[in-house]
């Protein structure tokens, strides 16, 4: 059957790698991000495919509704949702006293509320079709990180939000399994995109000693790549992964 997907956070490194894999598999894809120029670049890199873009604030219910309607108008239906959009906010916080409520709410909205809104928006269509794949994005920081903040600015809020996504995934999977819909969660470790990407830039700015400390817990001796994550996503959204649901899958080279 013809497959179609919405990918949020599509202009980031993991988003780009994921979109490239799905496009190569014949998916129709709606790319969602707030960075219009970056979206145009991604669409241009896979010209000729059924790939469209929609600029949106993923925390805004009206933007989410508009993006979903655009996808349905383009493909007729949406059977796959990949919630990559997220982040730790713009402010580096060293302690709980440094976090104001605006920052806390922003990080929760960007990670958790956006996932809830998009999942809610596509649910009726997936249920009617009797088939759906949802992949959410948590992080190994959901289990806490020792030492000073490194590549994530608002670490406490971010860790809380990413832990919440594991719970959201587990419960939603149980709620919608009867409708042929699977819901899973990727739990990436340290994933470095190409030079110039956000996390890579923060990592490269760290002293050599701090970079080495971050990599100590990885048996492979390296950080992950965007392609490592995209490969896991591609499997979870496949038709053959229909009996895998409610899983929080680490993509971390045995770090956890």
Protein backbone atom coordinates (compact mmCIF):
# COMPACT_ATOMS: atom_id res chain seq x y z
CA UNK A 1 0.00 0.00 0.00
CA UNK A 2 1.06 3.59 -0.58
CA UNK A 3 2.46 5.04 2.65
CA UNK A 4 2.41 8.63 3.85
CA UNK A 5 4.06 10.34 6.80
CA UNK A 6 4.31 13.54 8.77
CA UNK A 7 7.80 14.20 10.14
CA UNK A 8 8.18 17.01 12.67
CA UNK A 9 11.57 18.58 13.30
CA UNK A 10 12.30 17.58 9.72
CA UNK A 11 14.93 20.26 9.10
CA UNK A 12 17.27 18.95 11.80
CA UNK A 13 20.00 16.38 11.26
CA UNK A 14 17.94 13.37 12.39
CA UNK A 15 14.91 14.67 10.54
CA UNK A 16 16.83 14.98 7.29
CA UNK A 17 18.26 11.48 7.56
CA UNK A 18 14.84 10.06 8.36
CA UNK A 19 13.14 11.86 5.50
CA UNK A 20 15.79 10.64 3.06
CA UNK A 21 15.22 7.01 4.10
CA UNK A 22 11.45 7.22 3.94
CA UNK A 23 11.53 8.97 0.58
CA UNK A 24 13.79 6.26 -0.80
CA UNK A 25 11.21 3.72 0.37
CA UNK A 26 8.47 5.50 -1.58
CA UNK A 27 6.71 7.35 1.23
CA UNK A 28 4.83 10.54 0.60
CA UNK A 29 6.11 12.89 3.30
CA UNK A 30 5.01 16.17 4.86
CA UNK A 31 8.01 17.87 6.43
CA UNK A 32 7.15 20.10 9.39
CA UNK A 33 9.53 22.60 10.97
CA UNK A 34 9.65 26.27 11.88
CA UNK A 35 12.75 26.90 9.71
CA UNK A 36 11.36 27.68 6.27
CA UNK A 37 14.69 28.01 4.48
CA UNK A 38 15.99 24.74 5.90
CA UNK A 39 12.78 22.99 4.86
CA UNK A 40 13.22 24.23 1.29
CA UNK A 41 16.74 22.83 1.31
CA UNK A 42 15.57 19.41 2.48
CA UNK A 43 12.78 19.26 -0.10
CA UNK A 44 15.21 20.29 -2.82
CA UNK A 45 17.61 17.52 -1.86
CA UNK A 46 15.00 14.87 -2.67
CA UNK A 47 13.34 16.49 -5.67
CA UNK A 48 11.06 14.29 -7.72
CA UNK A 49 9.56 12.52 -4.74
CA UNK A 50 6.17 13.17 -3.15
CA UNK A 51 7.67 15.39 -0.48
CA UNK A 52 6.13 18.64 0.73
CA UNK A 53 6.84 21.07 3.54
CA UNK A 54 4.80 23.04 6.03
CA UNK A 55 6.19 25.76 8.27
CA UNK A 56 4.71 25.44 11.74
CA UNK A 57 5.16 26.06 15.43
CA UNK A 58 4.61 22.53 16.72
CA UNK A 59 3.39 23.85 20.07
CA UNK A 60 0.53 25.78 18.46
CA UNK A 61 -2.70 23.76 18.04
CA UNK A 62 -3.77 25.77 14.99
CA UNK A 63 -0.42 25.20 13.28
CA UNK A 64 -0.63 21.49 14.06
CA UNK A 65 -4.14 21.29 12.63
CA UNK A 66 -3.07 23.17 9.51
CA UNK A 67 -0.04 20.94 8.94
CA UNK A 68 -2.13 17.80 9.36
CA UNK A 69 -4.82 19.05 7.00
CA UNK A 70 -2.14 19.93 4.44
CA UNK A 71 -0.77 16.39 4.67
CA UNK A 72 -4.20 14.79 4.30
CA UNK A 73 -5.00 17.04 1.33
CA UNK A 74 -1.71 16.03 -0.29
CA UNK A 75 -1.86 12.28 0.32
CA UNK A 76 -5.48 11.47 1.13
CA UNK A 77 -4.45 9.91 4.42
CA UNK A 78 -1.58 9.87 6.93
CA UNK A 79 -0.59 6.49 8.34
CA UNK A 80 2.80 7.42 9.83
CA UNK A 81 3.80 10.10 12.32
CA UNK A 82 7.36 10.74 13.45
CA UNK A 83 7.60 13.24 16.31
CA UNK A 84 11.22 14.42 16.23
CA UNK A 85 10.66 18.08 17.14
CA UNK A 86 11.99 18.95 20.59
CA UNK A 87 14.82 20.61 22.46
CA UNK A 88 16.09 21.96 25.75
CA UNK A 89 15.25 25.60 25.18
CA UNK A 90 17.50 28.60 24.57
CA UNK A 91 18.88 29.09 28.10
CA UNK A 92 21.71 27.15 29.76
CA UNK A 93 20.59 26.28 33.28
CA UNK A 94 22.92 24.92 35.94
CA UNK A 95 20.41 24.34 38.74
CA UNK A 96 16.70 24.23 39.43
CA UNK A 97 16.88 27.78 40.78
CA UNK A 98 17.89 29.00 37.32
CA UNK A 99 14.75 27.67 35.64
CA UNK A 100 11.85 30.08 35.37
CA UNK A 101 8.33 28.92 34.60
CA UNK A 102 8.42 30.27 31.06
CA UNK A 103 11.45 28.13 30.22
CA UNK A 104 9.91 25.08 31.90
CA UNK A 105 6.63 25.45 30.02
CA UNK A 106 8.43 26.07 26.72
CA UNK A 107 10.47 22.85 26.99
CA UNK A 108 7.40 20.83 27.99
CA UNK A 109 5.39 22.25 25.11
CA UNK A 110 8.15 21.73 22.56
CA UNK A 111 8.71 18.09 23.47
CA UNK A 112 5.56 16.68 25.08
CA UNK A 113 2.67 18.88 24.00
CA UNK A 114 3.76 18.84 20.36
CA UNK A 115 3.83 15.04 20.39
CA UNK A 116 0.38 14.93 22.00
CA UNK A 117 -1.10 17.43 19.53
CA UNK A 118 0.15 15.69 16.39
CA UNK A 119 -0.75 12.24 17.69
CA UNK A 120 -4.25 13.46 18.46
CA UNK A 121 -4.57 15.11 15.04
CA UNK A 122 -3.75 11.94 13.05
CA UNK A 123 -5.52 9.42 15.27
CA UNK A 124 -8.97 9.45 13.63
CA UNK A 125 -7.53 8.81 10.19
CA UNK A 126 -5.26 5.99 11.38
CA UNK A 127 -8.10 4.36 13.30
CA UNK A 128 -10.41 4.52 10.29
CA UNK A 129 -7.72 2.94 8.13
CA UNK A 130 -6.98 0.28 10.74
CA UNK A 131 -3.27 0.91 10.39
CA UNK A 132 -0.83 3.42 11.82
CA UNK A 133 2.73 3.92 12.98
CA UNK A 134 3.77 6.57 15.49
CA UNK A 135 7.38 7.05 16.56
CA UNK A 136 8.19 9.49 19.36
CA UNK A 137 11.60 10.77 20.42
CA UNK A 138 12.85 10.55 23.98
CA UNK A 139 16.53 10.67 25.03
CA UNK A 140 18.94 8.89 27.36
CA UNK A 141 18.73 12.08 29.42
CA UNK A 142 15.31 10.82 30.50
CA UNK A 143 17.34 8.76 33.00
CA UNK A 144 19.50 11.66 34.15
CA UNK A 145 23.01 12.88 33.41
CA UNK A 146 25.88 13.49 35.82
CA UNK A 147 28.05 16.57 35.78
CA UNK A 148 27.44 20.00 34.29
CA UNK A 149 25.08 20.49 31.32
CA UNK A 150 26.85 19.76 28.05
CA UNK A 151 24.94 19.68 24.76
CA UNK A 152 21.47 20.32 26.28
CA UNK A 153 20.90 23.81 27.75
CA UNK A 154 17.77 23.31 29.91
CA UNK A 155 18.74 19.89 31.19
CA UNK A 156 16.30 19.38 34.08
CA UNK A 157 13.27 20.43 32.07
CA UNK A 158 14.50 18.46 29.05
CA UNK A 159 15.09 15.27 31.09
CA UNK A 160 11.61 15.58 32.60
CA UNK A 161 9.98 16.07 29.21
CA UNK A 162 11.82 13.15 27.64
CA UNK A 163 10.85 10.87 30.54
CA UNK A 164 7.23 11.93 30.08
CA UNK A 165 7.40 10.87 26.43
CA UNK A 166 8.29 7.32 27.45
CA UNK A 167 5.14 7.22 29.57
CA UNK A 168 3.04 8.78 26.83
CA UNK A 169 4.31 6.17 24.39
CA UNK A 170 3.59 3.25 26.72
CA UNK A 171 0.04 4.35 27.48
CA UNK A 172 -0.95 5.42 23.98
CA UNK A 173 0.30 2.11 22.58
CA UNK A 174 -2.08 0.27 24.91
CA UNK A 175 -4.95 2.61 24.11
CA UNK A 176 -4.80 2.32 20.31
CA UNK A 177 -3.37 -1.14 19.70
CA UNK A 178 -6.82 -2.53 18.94
CA UNK A 179 -6.96 -0.19 15.93
CA UNK A 180 -3.85 -1.59 14.25
CA UNK A 181 -1.73 1.34 15.39
CA UNK A 182 1.70 0.92 16.96
CA UNK A 183 3.36 3.59 19.10
CA UNK A 184 7.05 3.37 19.89
CA UNK A 185 9.75 5.63 21.20
CA UNK A 186 13.37 6.08 20.15
CA UNK A 187 15.80 6.79 23.01
CA UNK A 188 18.92 8.19 21.34
CA UNK A 189 22.27 8.51 23.02
CA UNK A 190 24.75 11.17 21.96
CA UNK A 191 23.96 11.69 18.28
CA UNK A 192 26.23 14.02 16.32
CA UNK A 193 25.10 15.36 12.98
CA UNK A 194 27.29 16.91 10.32
CA UNK A 195 29.52 19.88 11.20
CA UNK A 196 27.38 22.99 11.53
CA UNK A 197 24.39 21.24 13.09
CA UNK A 198 23.24 22.41 16.53
CA UNK A 199 24.27 19.52 18.78
CA UNK A 200 27.47 18.95 16.84
CA UNK A 201 28.36 22.60 17.30
CA UNK A 202 27.84 22.40 21.06
CA UNK A 203 29.88 19.21 21.26
CA UNK A 204 32.74 20.60 19.18
CA UNK A 205 32.86 23.69 21.42
CA UNK A 206 33.57 21.57 24.51
CA UNK A 207 37.14 21.05 25.74
CA UNK A 208 38.76 17.80 24.58
CA UNK A 209 38.62 16.45 28.12
CA UNK A 210 34.85 17.01 28.32
CA UNK A 211 34.28 15.40 24.92
CA UNK A 212 36.25 12.37 26.09
CA UNK A 213 34.24 12.18 29.32
CA UNK A 214 30.98 12.18 27.37
CA UNK A 215 32.17 9.31 25.18
CA UNK A 216 33.49 7.18 28.07
CA UNK A 217 30.22 5.35 28.59
CA UNK A 218 29.88 4.27 24.96
CA UNK A 219 31.34 0.78 24.44
CA UNK A 220 31.70 1.52 20.74
CA UNK A 221 33.93 4.47 21.57
CA UNK A 222 31.95 6.80 19.32
CA UNK A 223 28.88 8.93 19.23
CA UNK A 224 25.95 7.88 17.08
CA UNK A 225 25.03 9.32 13.70
CA UNK A 226 21.76 10.60 12.33
CA UNK A 227 21.71 7.59 10.01
CA UNK A 228 21.91 5.23 12.99
CA UNK A 229 18.70 6.75 14.30
CA UNK A 230 16.97 6.93 10.92
CA UNK A 231 17.57 3.22 10.41
CA UNK A 232 15.77 2.41 13.65
CA UNK A 233 12.87 4.67 12.71
CA UNK A 234 12.58 3.04 9.29
CA UNK A 235 12.21 -0.37 10.93
CA UNK A 236 9.63 0.74 13.50
CA UNK A 237 7.37 2.28 10.84
CA UNK A 238 7.60 -0.74 8.56
CA UNK A 239 4.61 -2.98 7.99
CA UNK A 240 6.63 -5.86 9.41
CA UNK A 241 6.97 -4.21 12.82
CA UNK A 242 3.28 -4.55 13.60
CA UNK A 243 3.79 -6.62 16.77
CA UNK A 244 6.25 -4.18 18.32
CA UNK A 245 4.51 -1.44 20.28
CA UNK A 246 4.98 0.50 23.50
CA UNK A 247 8.75 0.08 23.26
CA UNK A 248 11.36 2.64 24.33
CA UNK A 249 14.20 1.59 22.03
CA UNK A 250 17.70 2.81 22.94
CA UNK A 251 19.84 3.79 19.98
CA UNK A 252 22.98 4.35 21.98
CA UNK A 253 25.60 1.67 21.29
CA UNK A 254 24.83 -0.12 24.63
CA UNK A 255 25.29 3.04 26.72
CA UNK A 256 22.26 2.28 28.92
